[in-house]
Amino acid sequence: MTTAYDFSATDIDGQPRGLDEFRGKVLLIVNVASQCGFTPQYTGLEKLSRDFGPRGLAVLGFPCDQFGHQEPGDEAEIRNFCSLNYDVTFPMFAKIEVNGAGAHPLWKWLKDEKGGILGLDGIKWNFTKFLVGRDGRVIKRYAPTDKPESIAKDIEAALG
């Protein structure tokens, strides 16, 4: 059985990182962008990370430039933007694709595990979120319009 812990990705500093380092944690995996109408959700994501991190939540941000060219910067620019504007401290990864032939394997798996509205798998926009349980299995998929604070109850339940 495949779980989130079977995947790896390059972090925002160019280092390979296995998601198995988060084994036993609840994960909130999000495709993010710096120039999106939903970008202010970084504030809520950081709050979730700080509020629930000590209890076992890890928020993981994956920049993506597939929607309206809203993440045009390189990794250094993305890291600086997130730090300066939103004081992001949760793990950020290198820019990836979430749809199409070049989609990152983690995101292919996430979409297979929890399809979107009308059963369609494709990610529709930035700030789509996946909640993953401590067992590495996807619990729920959230739309970009679902604000981070609105999923706190689900995170609370997943943390046990």
N, C-alpha and C. Protein backbone atom coordinates (compact mmCIF):
# COMPACT_ATOMS: atom_id res chain seq x y z
N MET A 1 0.84 -1.18 0.00
CA MET A 1 0.00 0.00 0.00
C MET A 1 0.89 1.25 0.00
N THR A 2 0.64 2.13 -0.93
CA THR A 2 1.40 3.38 -1.04
C THR A 2 0.88 4.39 -0.02
N THR A 3 1.81 5.12 0.60
CA THR A 3 1.44 6.21 1.51
C THR A 3 2.27 7.44 1.13
N ALA A 4 1.94 8.56 1.73
CA ALA A 4 2.68 9.80 1.47
C ALA A 4 4.16 9.64 1.80
N TYR A 5 4.47 8.76 2.74
CA TYR A 5 5.85 8.58 3.19
C TYR A 5 6.72 7.87 2.16
N ASP A 6 6.11 7.35 1.09
CA ASP A 6 6.87 6.67 0.04
C ASP A 6 7.47 7.65 -0.98
N PHE A 7 7.16 8.94 -0.84
CA PHE A 7 7.60 9.92 -1.82
C PHE A 7 8.71 10.79 -1.29
N SER A 8 9.41 11.42 -2.22
CA SER A 8 10.42 12.40 -1.86
C SER A 8 10.28 13.57 -2.83
N ALA A 9 10.86 14.69 -2.44
CA ALA A 9 10.82 15.89 -3.26
C ALA A 9 12.04 16.73 -2.93
N THR A 10 12.37 17.63 -3.81
CA THR A 10 13.47 18.56 -3.58
C THR A 10 12.93 19.74 -2.78
N ASP A 11 13.63 20.10 -1.70
CA ASP A 11 13.15 21.22 -0.90
C ASP A 11 13.54 22.54 -1.56
N ILE A 12 13.08 23.63 -0.98
CA ILE A 12 13.26 24.96 -1.58
C ILE A 12 14.73 25.36 -1.65
N ASP A 13 15.58 24.68 -0.86
CA ASP A 13 17.02 24.94 -0.88
C ASP A 13 17.78 23.98 -1.79
N GLY A 14 17.04 23.17 -2.57
CA GLY A 14 17.66 22.28 -3.53
C GLY A 14 18.10 20.94 -2.97
N GLN A 15 17.70 20.63 -1.75
CA GLN A 15 18.11 19.37 -1.13
C GLN A 15 17.01 18.31 -1.26
N PRO A 16 17.39 17.07 -1.60
CA PRO A 16 16.38 16.01 -1.63
C PRO A 16 15.85 15.75 -0.23
N ARG A 17 14.56 15.51 -0.15
CA ARG A 17 13.94 15.32 1.17
C ARG A 17 12.88 14.23 1.05
N GLY A 18 13.05 13.16 1.82
CA GLY A 18 12.07 12.09 1.84
C GLY A 18 10.93 12.45 2.77
N LEU A 19 9.71 12.23 2.32
CA LEU A 19 8.57 12.54 3.17
C LEU A 19 8.48 11.56 4.35
N ASP A 20 9.28 10.49 4.30
CA ASP A 20 9.31 9.56 5.43
C ASP A 20 9.83 10.25 6.70
N GLU A 21 10.49 11.41 6.56
CA GLU A 21 10.93 12.14 7.76
C GLU A 21 9.73 12.68 8.54
N PHE A 22 8.55 12.70 7.91
CA PHE A 22 7.34 13.17 8.57
C PHE A 22 6.45 12.02 9.05
N ARG A 23 6.99 10.81 9.00
CA ARG A 23 6.21 9.63 9.40
C ARG A 23 5.61 9.83 10.79
N GLY A 24 4.33 9.47 10.92
CA GLY A 24 3.64 9.60 12.19
C GLY A 24 3.02 10.97 12.43
N LYS A 25 3.26 11.91 11.52
CA LYS A 25 2.66 13.23 11.64
C LYS A 25 1.42 13.33 10.75
N VAL A 26 0.56 14.25 11.06
CA VAL A 26 -0.54 14.62 10.17
C VAL A 26 0.04 15.66 9.22
N LEU A 27 -0.22 15.51 7.91
CA LEU A 27 0.32 16.42 6.91
C LEU A 27 -0.79 17.23 6.27
N LEU A 28 -0.51 18.49 6.01
CA LEU A 28 -1.37 19.31 5.18
C LEU A 28 -0.50 19.74 4.00
N ILE A 29 -0.76 19.13 2.84
CA ILE A 29 0.05 19.35 1.65
C ILE A 29 -0.70 20.31 0.73
N VAL A 30 -0.02 21.40 0.34
CA VAL A 30 -0.69 22.50 -0.38
C VAL A 30 0.16 22.95 -1.57
N ASN A 31 -0.49 23.16 -2.72
CA ASN A 31 0.21 23.82 -3.83
C ASN A 31 0.01 25.32 -3.67
N VAL A 32 1.10 26.06 -3.64
CA VAL A 32 1.08 27.47 -3.30
C VAL A 32 1.60 28.34 -4.44
N ALA A 33 1.30 29.64 -4.37
CA ALA A 33 1.80 30.60 -5.35
C ALA A 33 1.86 31.97 -4.70
N SER A 34 2.83 32.77 -5.13
CA SER A 34 3.10 34.06 -4.52
C SER A 34 2.23 35.20 -5.05
N GLN A 35 1.63 35.03 -6.23
CA GLN A 35 0.90 36.13 -6.85
C GLN A 35 -0.54 35.74 -7.16
N CYS A 36 -1.16 35.03 -6.26
CA CYS A 36 -2.51 34.50 -6.43
C CYS A 36 -3.46 35.24 -5.49
N GLY A 37 -4.72 35.30 -5.85
CA GLY A 37 -5.71 35.88 -4.97
C GLY A 37 -5.80 35.14 -3.63
N PHE A 38 -5.38 33.88 -3.62
CA PHE A 38 -5.42 33.07 -2.40
C PHE A 38 -4.11 33.14 -1.61
N THR A 39 -3.12 33.87 -2.11
CA THR A 39 -1.82 33.95 -1.43
C THR A 39 -1.93 34.33 0.04
N PRO A 40 -2.86 35.22 0.43
CA PRO A 40 -2.98 35.54 1.87
C PRO A 40 -3.28 34.31 2.75
N GLN A 41 -3.64 33.17 2.14
CA GLN A 41 -3.83 31.95 2.93
C GLN A 41 -2.53 31.50 3.59
N TYR A 42 -1.39 32.00 3.13
CA TYR A 42 -0.13 31.69 3.82
C TYR A 42 -0.25 32.04 5.31
N THR A 43 -0.94 33.12 5.64
CA THR A 43 -1.12 33.51 7.04
C THR A 43 -1.81 32.40 7.82
N GLY A 44 -2.90 31.89 7.28
CA GLY A 44 -3.64 30.82 7.94
C GLY A 44 -2.86 29.52 8.00
N LEU A 45 -2.13 29.21 6.93
CA LEU A 45 -1.32 27.99 6.92
C LEU A 45 -0.23 28.06 7.99
N GLU A 46 0.40 29.22 8.11
CA GLU A 46 1.44 29.39 9.13
C GLU A 46 0.83 29.29 10.53
N LYS A 47 -0.36 29.84 10.71
CA LYS A 47 -1.03 29.75 12.02
C LYS A 47 -1.32 28.29 12.35
N LEU A 48 -1.83 27.52 11.38
CA LEU A 48 -2.07 26.09 11.61
C LEU A 48 -0.77 25.40 12.00
N SER A 49 0.29 25.71 11.29
CA SER A 49 1.59 25.09 11.56
C SER A 49 2.05 25.39 12.98
N ARG A 50 1.91 26.64 13.39
CA ARG A 50 2.36 27.03 14.74
C ARG A 50 1.44 26.48 15.82
N ASP A 51 0.12 26.49 15.57
CA ASP A 51 -0.84 26.02 16.57
C ASP A 51 -0.80 24.51 16.75
N PHE A 52 -0.71 23.78 15.64
CA PHE A 52 -0.82 22.32 15.70
C PHE A 52 0.51 21.59 15.52
N GLY A 53 1.55 22.31 15.11
CA GLY A 53 2.85 21.67 14.91
C GLY A 53 3.36 20.92 16.13
N PRO A 54 3.26 21.53 17.33
CA PRO A 54 3.73 20.82 18.53
C PRO A 54 2.96 19.52 18.80
N ARG A 55 1.75 19.40 18.24
CA ARG A 55 0.94 18.19 18.44
C ARG A 55 1.10 17.20 17.29
N GLY A 56 1.91 17.55 16.28
CA GLY A 56 2.18 16.58 15.23
C GLY A 56 1.71 16.94 13.84
N LEU A 57 1.37 18.19 13.56
CA LEU A 57 1.02 18.61 12.20
C LEU A 57 2.25 19.14 11.49
N ALA A 58 2.38 18.77 10.22
CA ALA A 58 3.40 19.38 9.35
C ALA A 58 2.68 19.92 8.11
N VAL A 59 2.77 21.22 7.90
CA VAL A 59 2.27 21.84 6.68
C VAL A 59 3.42 21.80 5.68
N LEU A 60 3.14 21.35 4.45
CA LEU A 60 4.17 21.27 3.41
C LEU A 60 3.70 22.08 2.21
N GLY A 61 4.49 23.10 1.83
CA GLY A 61 4.14 23.96 0.71
C GLY A 61 4.90 23.60 -0.55
N PHE A 62 4.15 23.44 -1.65
CA PHE A 62 4.73 23.10 -2.94
C PHE A 62 4.38 24.19 -3.96
N PRO A 63 5.31 25.13 -4.22
CA PRO A 63 5.05 26.17 -5.21
C PRO A 63 4.78 25.57 -6.59
N CYS A 64 3.83 26.20 -7.29
CA CYS A 64 3.44 25.71 -8.61
C CYS A 64 3.11 26.92 -9.49
N ASP A 65 3.57 26.88 -10.73
CA ASP A 65 3.37 28.00 -11.66
C ASP A 65 2.42 27.61 -12.80
N GLN A 66 1.58 26.60 -12.59
CA GLN A 66 0.71 26.12 -13.67
C GLN A 66 -0.61 26.88 -13.79
N PHE A 67 -0.89 27.80 -12.89
CA PHE A 67 -2.18 28.48 -12.89
C PHE A 67 -1.97 29.98 -13.02
N GLY A 68 -2.19 30.50 -14.21
CA GLY A 68 -2.09 31.94 -14.44
C GLY A 68 -0.70 32.52 -14.23
N HIS A 69 0.35 31.70 -14.32
CA HIS A 69 1.74 32.15 -14.15
C HIS A 69 1.87 32.98 -12.87
N GLN A 70 1.29 32.44 -11.77
CA GLN A 70 1.25 33.18 -10.51
C GLN A 70 2.39 32.83 -9.56
N GLU A 71 3.33 32.00 -10.03
CA GLU A 71 4.54 31.70 -9.25
C GLU A 71 5.74 31.77 -10.20
N PRO A 72 6.03 33.00 -10.70
CA PRO A 72 7.07 33.14 -11.72
C PRO A 72 8.50 33.08 -11.17
N GLY A 73 8.68 33.31 -9.88
CA GLY A 73 10.02 33.41 -9.32
C GLY A 73 10.74 32.09 -9.21
N ASP A 74 12.05 32.19 -8.95
CA ASP A 74 12.83 30.98 -8.66
C ASP A 74 12.71 30.66 -7.16
N GLU A 75 13.35 29.58 -6.75
CA GLU A 75 13.20 29.14 -5.37
C GLU A 75 13.67 30.19 -4.36
N ALA A 76 14.76 30.87 -4.64
CA ALA A 76 15.25 31.89 -3.71
C ALA A 76 14.24 33.02 -3.57
N GLU A 77 13.65 33.45 -4.69
CA GLU A 77 12.64 34.51 -4.64
C GLU A 77 11.40 34.06 -3.87
N ILE A 78 10.99 32.82 -4.10
CA ILE A 78 9.82 32.27 -3.40
C ILE A 78 10.09 32.22 -1.89
N ARG A 79 11.25 31.69 -1.51
CA ARG A 79 11.61 31.58 -0.09
C ARG A 79 11.60 32.97 0.56
N ASN A 80 12.23 33.94 -0.09
CA ASN A 80 12.29 35.30 0.45
C ASN A 80 10.91 35.92 0.55
N PHE A 81 10.08 35.75 -0.48
CA PHE A 81 8.72 36.29 -0.45
C PHE A 81 7.94 35.72 0.74
N CYS A 82 7.99 34.41 0.90
CA CYS A 82 7.23 33.75 1.98
C CYS A 82 7.73 34.18 3.35
N SER A 83 9.03 34.31 3.49
CA SER A 83 9.61 34.70 4.77
C SER A 83 9.30 36.16 5.10
N LEU A 84 9.52 37.05 4.15
CA LEU A 84 9.34 38.48 4.40
C LEU A 84 7.88 38.89 4.55
N ASN A 85 6.99 38.29 3.74
CA ASN A 85 5.60 38.72 3.72
C ASN A 85 4.69 37.94 4.66
N TYR A 86 5.04 36.67 4.94
CA TYR A 86 4.14 35.83 5.73
C TYR A 86 4.84 35.10 6.87
N ASP A 87 6.14 35.34 7.06
CA ASP A 87 6.90 34.71 8.12
C ASP A 87 6.72 33.19 8.12
N VAL A 88 6.73 32.61 6.92
CA VAL A 88 6.54 31.17 6.77
C VAL A 88 7.72 30.41 7.37
N THR A 89 7.39 29.48 8.26
CA THR A 89 8.43 28.64 8.88
C THR A 89 8.23 27.17 8.54
N PHE A 90 7.08 26.82 7.95
CA PHE A 90 6.85 25.41 7.60
C PHE A 90 7.68 25.03 6.37
N PRO A 91 7.92 23.72 6.17
CA PRO A 91 8.76 23.29 5.05
C PRO A 91 8.16 23.69 3.69
N MET A 92 9.03 24.27 2.86
CA MET A 92 8.67 24.61 1.49
C MET A 92 9.56 23.79 0.55
N PHE A 93 9.00 23.47 -0.59
CA PHE A 93 9.69 22.64 -1.56
C PHE A 93 9.96 23.41 -2.83
N ALA A 94 10.77 22.83 -3.71
CA ALA A 94 11.06 23.44 -5.00
C ALA A 94 9.78 23.45 -5.84
N LYS A 95 9.75 24.35 -6.81
CA LYS A 95 8.59 24.49 -7.69
C LYS A 95 8.34 23.17 -8.43
N ILE A 96 7.07 22.79 -8.49
CA ILE A 96 6.68 21.53 -9.14
C ILE A 96 5.50 21.78 -10.06
N GLU A 97 5.15 20.74 -10.81
CA GLU A 97 3.90 20.71 -11.57
C GLU A 97 2.97 19.74 -10.86
N VAL A 98 1.68 20.09 -10.82
CA VAL A 98 0.69 19.24 -10.15
C VAL A 98 -0.24 18.55 -11.15
N ASN A 99 -0.26 19.03 -12.39
CA ASN A 99 -1.09 18.46 -13.44
C ASN A 99 -0.24 18.13 -14.66
N GLY A 100 -0.78 17.27 -15.52
CA GLY A 100 -0.12 16.97 -16.79
C GLY A 100 0.96 15.92 -16.67
N ALA A 101 1.64 15.73 -17.80
CA ALA A 101 2.66 14.68 -17.91
C ALA A 101 3.82 14.91 -16.95
N GLY A 102 4.08 16.17 -16.62
CA GLY A 102 5.20 16.49 -15.73
C GLY A 102 4.82 16.58 -14.26
N ALA A 103 3.60 16.17 -13.93
CA ALA A 103 3.15 16.27 -12.53
C ALA A 103 4.07 15.45 -11.62
N HIS A 104 4.39 16.03 -10.48
CA HIS A 104 5.23 15.36 -9.49
C HIS A 104 4.51 14.08 -9.04
N PRO A 105 5.25 12.98 -8.85
CA PRO A 105 4.62 11.71 -8.44
C PRO A 105 3.76 11.81 -7.18
N LEU A 106 4.18 12.62 -6.20
CA LEU A 106 3.37 12.81 -4.99
C LEU A 106 2.00 13.35 -5.36
N TRP A 107 1.97 14.34 -6.23
CA TRP A 107 0.71 14.98 -6.61
C TRP A 107 -0.14 14.06 -7.48
N LYS A 108 0.48 13.24 -8.32
CA LYS A 108 -0.29 12.23 -9.07
C LYS A 108 -1.01 11.32 -8.08
N TRP A 109 -0.27 10.87 -7.06
CA TRP A 109 -0.83 9.97 -6.05
C TRP A 109 -1.94 10.65 -5.25
N LEU A 110 -1.70 11.89 -4.80
CA LEU A 110 -2.72 12.61 -4.04
C LEU A 110 -4.01 12.71 -4.83
N LYS A 111 -3.91 13.06 -6.12
CA LYS A 111 -5.11 13.20 -6.96
C LYS A 111 -5.81 11.86 -7.16
N ASP A 112 -5.03 10.79 -7.28
CA ASP A 112 -5.63 9.45 -7.42
C ASP A 112 -6.37 9.05 -6.15
N GLU A 113 -5.83 9.43 -5.01
CA GLU A 113 -6.42 9.06 -3.73
C GLU A 113 -7.72 9.82 -3.45
N LYS A 114 -7.76 11.10 -3.79
CA LYS A 114 -8.95 11.93 -3.53
C LYS A 114 -9.20 12.82 -4.74
N GLY A 115 -10.13 12.39 -5.57
CA GLY A 115 -10.49 13.20 -6.73
C GLY A 115 -11.18 14.48 -6.30
N GLY A 116 -11.24 15.39 -7.21
CA GLY A 116 -11.86 16.68 -6.93
C GLY A 116 -13.35 16.65 -7.18
N ILE A 117 -13.91 17.82 -7.33
CA ILE A 117 -15.34 17.99 -7.56
C ILE A 117 -15.74 17.24 -8.83
N LEU A 118 -16.88 16.62 -8.81
CA LEU A 118 -17.40 15.82 -9.93
C LEU A 118 -16.50 14.64 -10.26
N GLY A 119 -15.64 14.26 -9.31
CA GLY A 119 -14.76 13.11 -9.52
C GLY A 119 -13.58 13.37 -10.43
N LEU A 120 -13.39 14.62 -10.82
CA LEU A 120 -12.26 14.95 -11.69
C LEU A 120 -11.00 15.06 -10.84
N ASP A 121 -9.91 14.51 -11.37
CA ASP A 121 -8.68 14.45 -10.59
C ASP A 121 -7.86 15.72 -10.62
N GLY A 122 -7.88 16.43 -11.73
CA GLY A 122 -6.98 17.57 -11.91
C GLY A 122 -7.10 18.61 -10.81
N ILE A 123 -5.96 19.21 -10.47
CA ILE A 123 -5.94 20.33 -9.54
C ILE A 123 -6.45 21.53 -10.33
N LYS A 124 -7.42 22.25 -9.75
CA LYS A 124 -8.06 23.35 -10.47
C LYS A 124 -7.33 24.68 -10.31
N TRP A 125 -6.66 24.89 -9.17
CA TRP A 125 -6.01 26.18 -8.94
C TRP A 125 -5.04 26.06 -7.78
N ASN A 126 -4.32 27.13 -7.53
CA ASN A 126 -3.39 27.21 -6.39
C ASN A 126 -4.15 27.06 -5.08
N PHE A 127 -3.45 26.60 -4.07
CA PHE A 127 -3.96 26.45 -2.71
C PHE A 127 -5.02 25.35 -2.58
N THR A 128 -4.90 24.32 -3.42
CA THR A 128 -5.64 23.07 -3.19
C THR A 128 -4.88 22.37 -2.07
N LYS A 129 -5.63 21.80 -1.12
CA LYS A 129 -5.01 21.23 0.08
C LYS A 129 -5.41 19.77 0.24
N PHE A 130 -4.47 18.96 0.71
CA PHE A 130 -4.73 17.56 1.04
C PHE A 130 -4.34 17.32 2.48
N LEU A 131 -5.27 16.76 3.26
CA LEU A 131 -5.00 16.39 4.64
C LEU A 131 -4.66 14.90 4.67
N VAL A 132 -3.50 14.58 5.22
CA VAL A 132 -3.00 13.22 5.27
C VAL A 132 -2.87 12.80 6.73
N GLY A 133 -3.39 11.65 7.06
CA GLY A 133 -3.36 11.16 8.44
C GLY A 133 -1.99 10.65 8.85
N ARG A 134 -1.87 10.35 10.13
CA ARG A 134 -0.60 9.85 10.68
C ARG A 134 -0.15 8.55 10.00
N ASP A 135 -1.11 7.84 9.39
CA ASP A 135 -0.78 6.60 8.69
C ASP A 135 -0.30 6.83 7.27
N GLY A 136 -0.23 8.10 6.85
CA GLY A 136 0.24 8.41 5.51
C GLY A 136 -0.82 8.34 4.43
N ARG A 137 -2.07 8.10 4.82
CA ARG A 137 -3.18 7.99 3.86
C ARG A 137 -3.94 9.31 3.78
N VAL A 138 -4.44 9.64 2.58
CA VAL A 138 -5.18 10.88 2.40
C VAL A 138 -6.54 10.79 3.08
N ILE A 139 -6.84 11.77 3.91
CA ILE A 139 -8.13 11.86 4.59
C ILE A 139 -9.12 12.66 3.77
N LYS A 140 -8.69 13.83 3.29
CA LYS A 140 -9.62 14.73 2.62
C LYS A 140 -8.88 15.69 1.70
N ARG A 141 -9.58 16.11 0.67
CA ARG A 141 -9.08 17.12 -0.27
C ARG A 141 -9.93 18.38 -0.08
N TYR A 142 -9.27 19.54 -0.11
CA TYR A 142 -9.95 20.82 0.07
C TYR A 142 -9.72 21.72 -1.14
N ALA A 143 -10.74 22.48 -1.49
CA ALA A 143 -10.66 23.41 -2.61
C ALA A 143 -9.81 24.63 -2.24
N PRO A 144 -9.32 25.35 -3.25
CA PRO A 144 -8.57 26.58 -2.97
C PRO A 144 -9.37 27.58 -2.14
N THR A 145 -10.68 27.58 -2.29
CA THR A 145 -11.52 28.53 -1.55
C THR A 145 -11.69 28.15 -0.08
N ASP A 146 -11.33 26.91 0.29
CA ASP A 146 -11.40 26.50 1.69
C ASP A 146 -10.24 27.14 2.45
N LYS A 147 -10.59 28.06 3.34
CA LYS A 147 -9.55 28.77 4.10
C LYS A 147 -8.92 27.83 5.12
N PRO A 148 -7.62 28.01 5.38
CA PRO A 148 -6.94 27.13 6.35
C PRO A 148 -7.67 27.03 7.69
N GLU A 149 -8.16 28.16 8.20
CA GLU A 149 -8.83 28.13 9.52
C GLU A 149 -10.09 27.27 9.49
N SER A 150 -10.69 27.10 8.31
CA SER A 150 -11.92 26.32 8.22
C SER A 150 -11.67 24.82 8.33
N ILE A 151 -10.42 24.40 8.21
CA ILE A 151 -10.13 22.97 8.30
C ILE A 151 -9.46 22.59 9.62
N ALA A 152 -9.39 23.54 10.55
CA ALA A 152 -8.77 23.28 11.85
C ALA A 152 -9.45 22.12 12.57
N LYS A 153 -10.79 22.03 12.47
CA LYS A 153 -11.52 20.93 13.14
C LYS A 153 -11.10 19.58 12.61
N ASP A 154 -10.91 19.49 11.27
CA ASP A 154 -10.49 18.23 10.67
C ASP A 154 -9.07 17.88 11.11
N ILE A 155 -8.22 18.89 11.22
CA ILE A 155 -6.84 18.65 11.68
C ILE A 155 -6.86 18.16 13.12
N GLU A 156 -7.68 18.81 13.93
CA GLU A 156 -7.84 18.41 15.33
C GLU A 156 -8.25 16.94 15.43
N ALA A 157 -9.22 16.55 14.62
CA ALA A 157 -9.68 15.15 14.62
C ALA A 157 -8.57 14.21 14.17
N ALA A 158 -7.82 14.60 13.14
CA ALA A 158 -6.75 13.74 12.63
C ALA A 158 -5.62 13.58 13.64
N LEU A 159 -5.39 14.64 14.41
CA LEU A 159 -4.33 14.57 15.43
C LEU A 159 -4.73 13.68 16.59
N GLY A 160 -6.05 13.48 16.76
CA GLY A 160 -6.55 12.57 17.79
C GLY A 160 -6.66 13.20 19.13
